[in-house]
Amino acid sequence: MAVSEEEGLRLVREYGETERWLAVLVTLRPDGQPSVSVVNAGILPHPATGAPTLALVARGGTAKLANLRRNPHATLVFRSGWEWVAAHGSAQLAGPDDPLPGTGPDRLPGLLRDIYHAAGGNHSDLAEYDRVMAAERRTAVLLRPARFTTNPVGTEHQEHG
């Protein structure tokens, strides 16, 4: 069922915190079939607009980045137990191979750190973190949710047998 942006973001925060900010990212392959991966994602203000944005960091050269470059539509699903919320929208990329207006190369390390922290990360040596991110050509994936869906309240798993 569809829920408001306010309720969707509340559920993302609740389930994200409970499950160490693990989410399932769904992108589309060239043949239109879904491509699925587990990622750490968090919520932060979009670096250019300030709008609430779901964000993750992707290693350069991955299928998820190739898919998003071809078709920016994506879904992030957060869950806790049998409860879940899906955020559907368009993604923007900001990285060494994907310049995003307002987030030039000088702002990329700070953006990647902000996403890492929003997704529950904590690194004792941020200079080393920045070095690894640059070496791996890490890219920020910024998903602006256009729609949220979730399971109805009280939906429980039914054992089959």
Protein backbone atom coordinates (compact mmCIF):
# COMPACT_ATOMS: atom_id res chain seq x y z
CA MET A 1 0.00 0.00 0.00
CA ALA A 2 1.18 3.53 -0.73
CA VAL A 3 2.14 5.85 2.14
CA SER A 4 3.06 9.52 2.36
CA GLU A 5 6.63 10.74 2.05
CA GLU A 6 6.65 11.62 5.75
CA GLU A 7 5.50 8.12 6.75
CA GLY A 8 7.83 6.47 4.21
CA LEU A 9 10.87 8.32 5.56
CA ARG A 10 9.84 7.49 9.13
CA LEU A 11 9.67 3.79 8.25
CA VAL A 12 13.04 3.94 6.45
CA ARG A 13 14.60 5.45 9.60
CA GLU A 14 12.93 2.89 11.87
CA TYR A 15 13.80 -0.18 9.80
CA GLY A 16 17.19 1.18 8.77
CA GLU A 17 18.31 1.72 12.35
CA THR A 18 16.98 -1.68 13.41
CA GLU A 19 18.74 -3.56 10.59
CA ARG A 20 22.07 -1.68 10.49
CA TRP A 21 20.91 0.31 7.43
CA LEU A 22 20.91 -2.74 5.16
CA ALA A 23 18.61 -2.40 2.17
CA VAL A 24 17.92 -4.16 -1.10
CA LEU A 25 18.61 -2.06 -4.20
CA VAL A 26 16.70 -2.96 -7.35
CA THR A 27 17.88 -1.57 -10.70
CA LEU A 28 17.03 -2.64 -14.23
CA ARG A 29 19.34 -4.62 -16.51
CA PRO A 30 19.50 -3.79 -20.24
CA ASP A 31 16.93 -6.55 -20.93
CA GLY A 32 14.48 -4.96 -18.44
CA GLN A 33 14.92 -7.68 -15.83
CA PRO A 34 15.61 -6.62 -12.22
CA SER A 35 19.12 -6.62 -10.86
CA VAL A 36 19.23 -6.88 -7.07
CA SER A 37 21.96 -6.20 -4.53
CA VAL A 38 22.21 -5.68 -0.78
CA VAL A 39 23.64 -2.29 0.18
CA ASN A 40 24.02 0.02 3.16
CA ALA A 41 21.92 3.13 2.59
CA GLY A 42 20.85 6.08 4.70
CA ILE A 43 18.89 9.33 4.58
CA LEU A 44 20.48 12.74 4.15
CA PRO A 45 19.68 16.07 2.51
CA HIS A 46 20.46 16.11 -1.21
CA PRO A 47 23.78 17.98 -1.61
CA ALA A 48 22.35 20.40 -4.19
CA THR A 49 18.65 20.73 -3.29
CA GLY A 50 18.48 19.83 0.41
CA ALA A 51 15.49 17.51 -0.23
CA PRO A 52 15.38 14.27 1.79
CA THR A 53 17.33 11.71 -0.22
CA LEU A 54 18.16 8.04 0.21
CA ALA A 55 21.81 7.48 -0.53
CA LEU A 56 24.43 4.76 -0.84
CA VAL A 57 28.00 4.48 -2.01
CA ALA A 58 28.76 2.14 -4.94
CA ARG A 59 32.14 0.85 -6.03
CA GLY A 60 33.14 1.93 -9.54
CA GLY A 61 32.65 -0.56 -12.36
CA THR A 62 29.65 -2.33 -10.81
CA ALA A 63 26.52 -3.52 -12.62
CA LYS A 64 24.36 -1.28 -10.41
CA LEU A 65 26.17 1.83 -11.68
CA ALA A 66 26.00 0.67 -15.31
CA ASN A 67 22.28 -0.02 -14.87
CA LEU A 68 21.64 3.39 -13.27
CA ARG A 69 23.57 5.21 -15.99
CA ARG A 70 21.34 3.57 -18.58
CA ASN A 71 18.08 3.87 -16.62
CA PRO A 72 18.07 5.95 -13.42
CA HIS A 73 14.89 4.40 -11.98
CA ALA A 74 15.52 2.34 -8.85
CA THR A 75 13.91 0.97 -5.72
CA LEU A 76 15.39 0.65 -2.24
CA VAL A 77 13.67 -1.75 0.16
CA PHE A 78 14.28 -1.57 3.92
CA ARG A 79 12.90 -4.30 6.20
CA SER A 80 12.73 -5.31 9.82
CA GLY A 81 11.23 -8.70 10.56
CA TRP A 82 8.20 -9.03 8.30
CA GLU A 83 7.68 -5.26 8.01
CA TRP A 84 9.12 -3.46 4.97
CA VAL A 85 9.05 -0.18 3.10
CA ALA A 86 10.09 0.43 -0.51
CA ALA A 87 11.20 3.79 -1.87
CA HIS A 88 10.77 4.16 -5.63
CA GLY A 89 12.33 6.99 -7.61
CA SER A 90 15.06 8.30 -9.87
CA ALA A 91 18.69 8.17 -8.90
CA GLN A 92 21.42 10.68 -9.58
CA LEU A 93 25.09 9.72 -9.52
CA ALA A 94 27.96 11.81 -8.17
CA GLY A 95 31.42 10.37 -8.62
CA PRO A 96 34.67 10.46 -10.55
CA ASP A 97 32.90 9.18 -13.69
CA ASP A 98 29.58 10.89 -13.01
CA PRO A 99 29.86 14.63 -12.34
CA LEU A 100 26.79 16.08 -10.65
CA PRO A 101 26.29 19.86 -10.80
CA GLY A 102 26.92 21.37 -7.38
CA THR A 103 29.02 18.42 -6.17
CA GLY A 104 32.37 18.84 -7.86
CA PRO A 105 35.43 16.69 -7.20
CA ASP A 106 36.39 18.81 -4.18
CA ARG A 107 33.02 18.02 -2.50
CA LEU A 108 32.91 14.29 -3.35
CA PRO A 109 34.99 13.02 -0.38
CA GLY A 110 32.73 14.88 2.07
CA LEU A 111 29.59 13.59 0.35
CA LEU A 112 30.84 9.99 0.48
CA ARG A 113 31.65 10.41 4.18
CA ASP A 114 28.20 11.90 4.85
CA ILE A 115 26.52 8.92 3.13
CA TYR A 116 28.74 6.47 5.02
CA HIS A 117 27.76 8.05 8.34
CA ALA A 118 24.05 8.25 7.38
CA ALA A 119 24.18 4.51 6.64
CA GLY A 120 25.56 3.75 10.10
CA GLY A 121 29.27 3.69 9.25
CA ASN A 122 32.07 4.83 11.52
CA HIS A 123 35.71 4.83 10.41
CA SER A 124 38.64 5.52 12.70
CA ASP A 125 40.85 6.88 9.88
CA LEU A 126 38.89 9.09 7.50
CA ALA A 127 41.98 9.91 5.44
CA GLU A 128 42.36 6.18 4.74
CA TYR A 129 38.62 5.96 4.00
CA ASP A 130 38.96 8.81 1.47
CA ARG A 131 42.00 7.11 -0.14
CA VAL A 132 40.12 3.80 -0.58
CA MET A 133 37.02 5.56 -1.93
CA ALA A 134 39.13 7.36 -4.55
CA ALA A 135 41.10 4.21 -5.48
CA GLU A 136 37.87 2.24 -5.95
CA ARG A 137 36.25 5.11 -7.90
CA ARG A 138 33.34 5.08 -5.45
CA THR A 139 30.21 6.92 -6.53
CA ALA A 140 27.36 8.42 -4.54
CA VAL A 141 23.93 7.12 -5.54
CA LEU A 142 21.24 9.63 -4.57
CA LEU A 143 17.67 8.34 -4.80
CA ARG A 144 14.93 10.95 -4.57
CA PRO A 145 11.83 8.97 -3.59
CA ALA A 146 8.78 9.72 -5.72
CA ARG A 147 6.66 7.06 -4.03
CA PHE A 148 6.74 4.81 -0.95
CA THR A 149 4.97 1.48 -0.54
CA THR A 150 4.78 -0.83 2.46
CA ASN A 151 2.87 -3.81 3.76
CA PRO A 152 -0.33 -3.11 5.67
CA VAL A 153 -0.02 -2.68 9.43
CA GLY A 154 -0.47 -5.98 11.23
CA THR A 155 0.52 -8.11 8.26
CA GLU A 156 2.18 -11.19 9.67
CA HIS A 157 3.98 -14.10 8.14
CA GLN A 158 1.76 -17.15 7.83
CA GLU A 159 3.47 -20.53 8.11
CA HIS A 160 2.52 -22.85 5.27
CA GLY A 161 2.47 -26.54 5.91
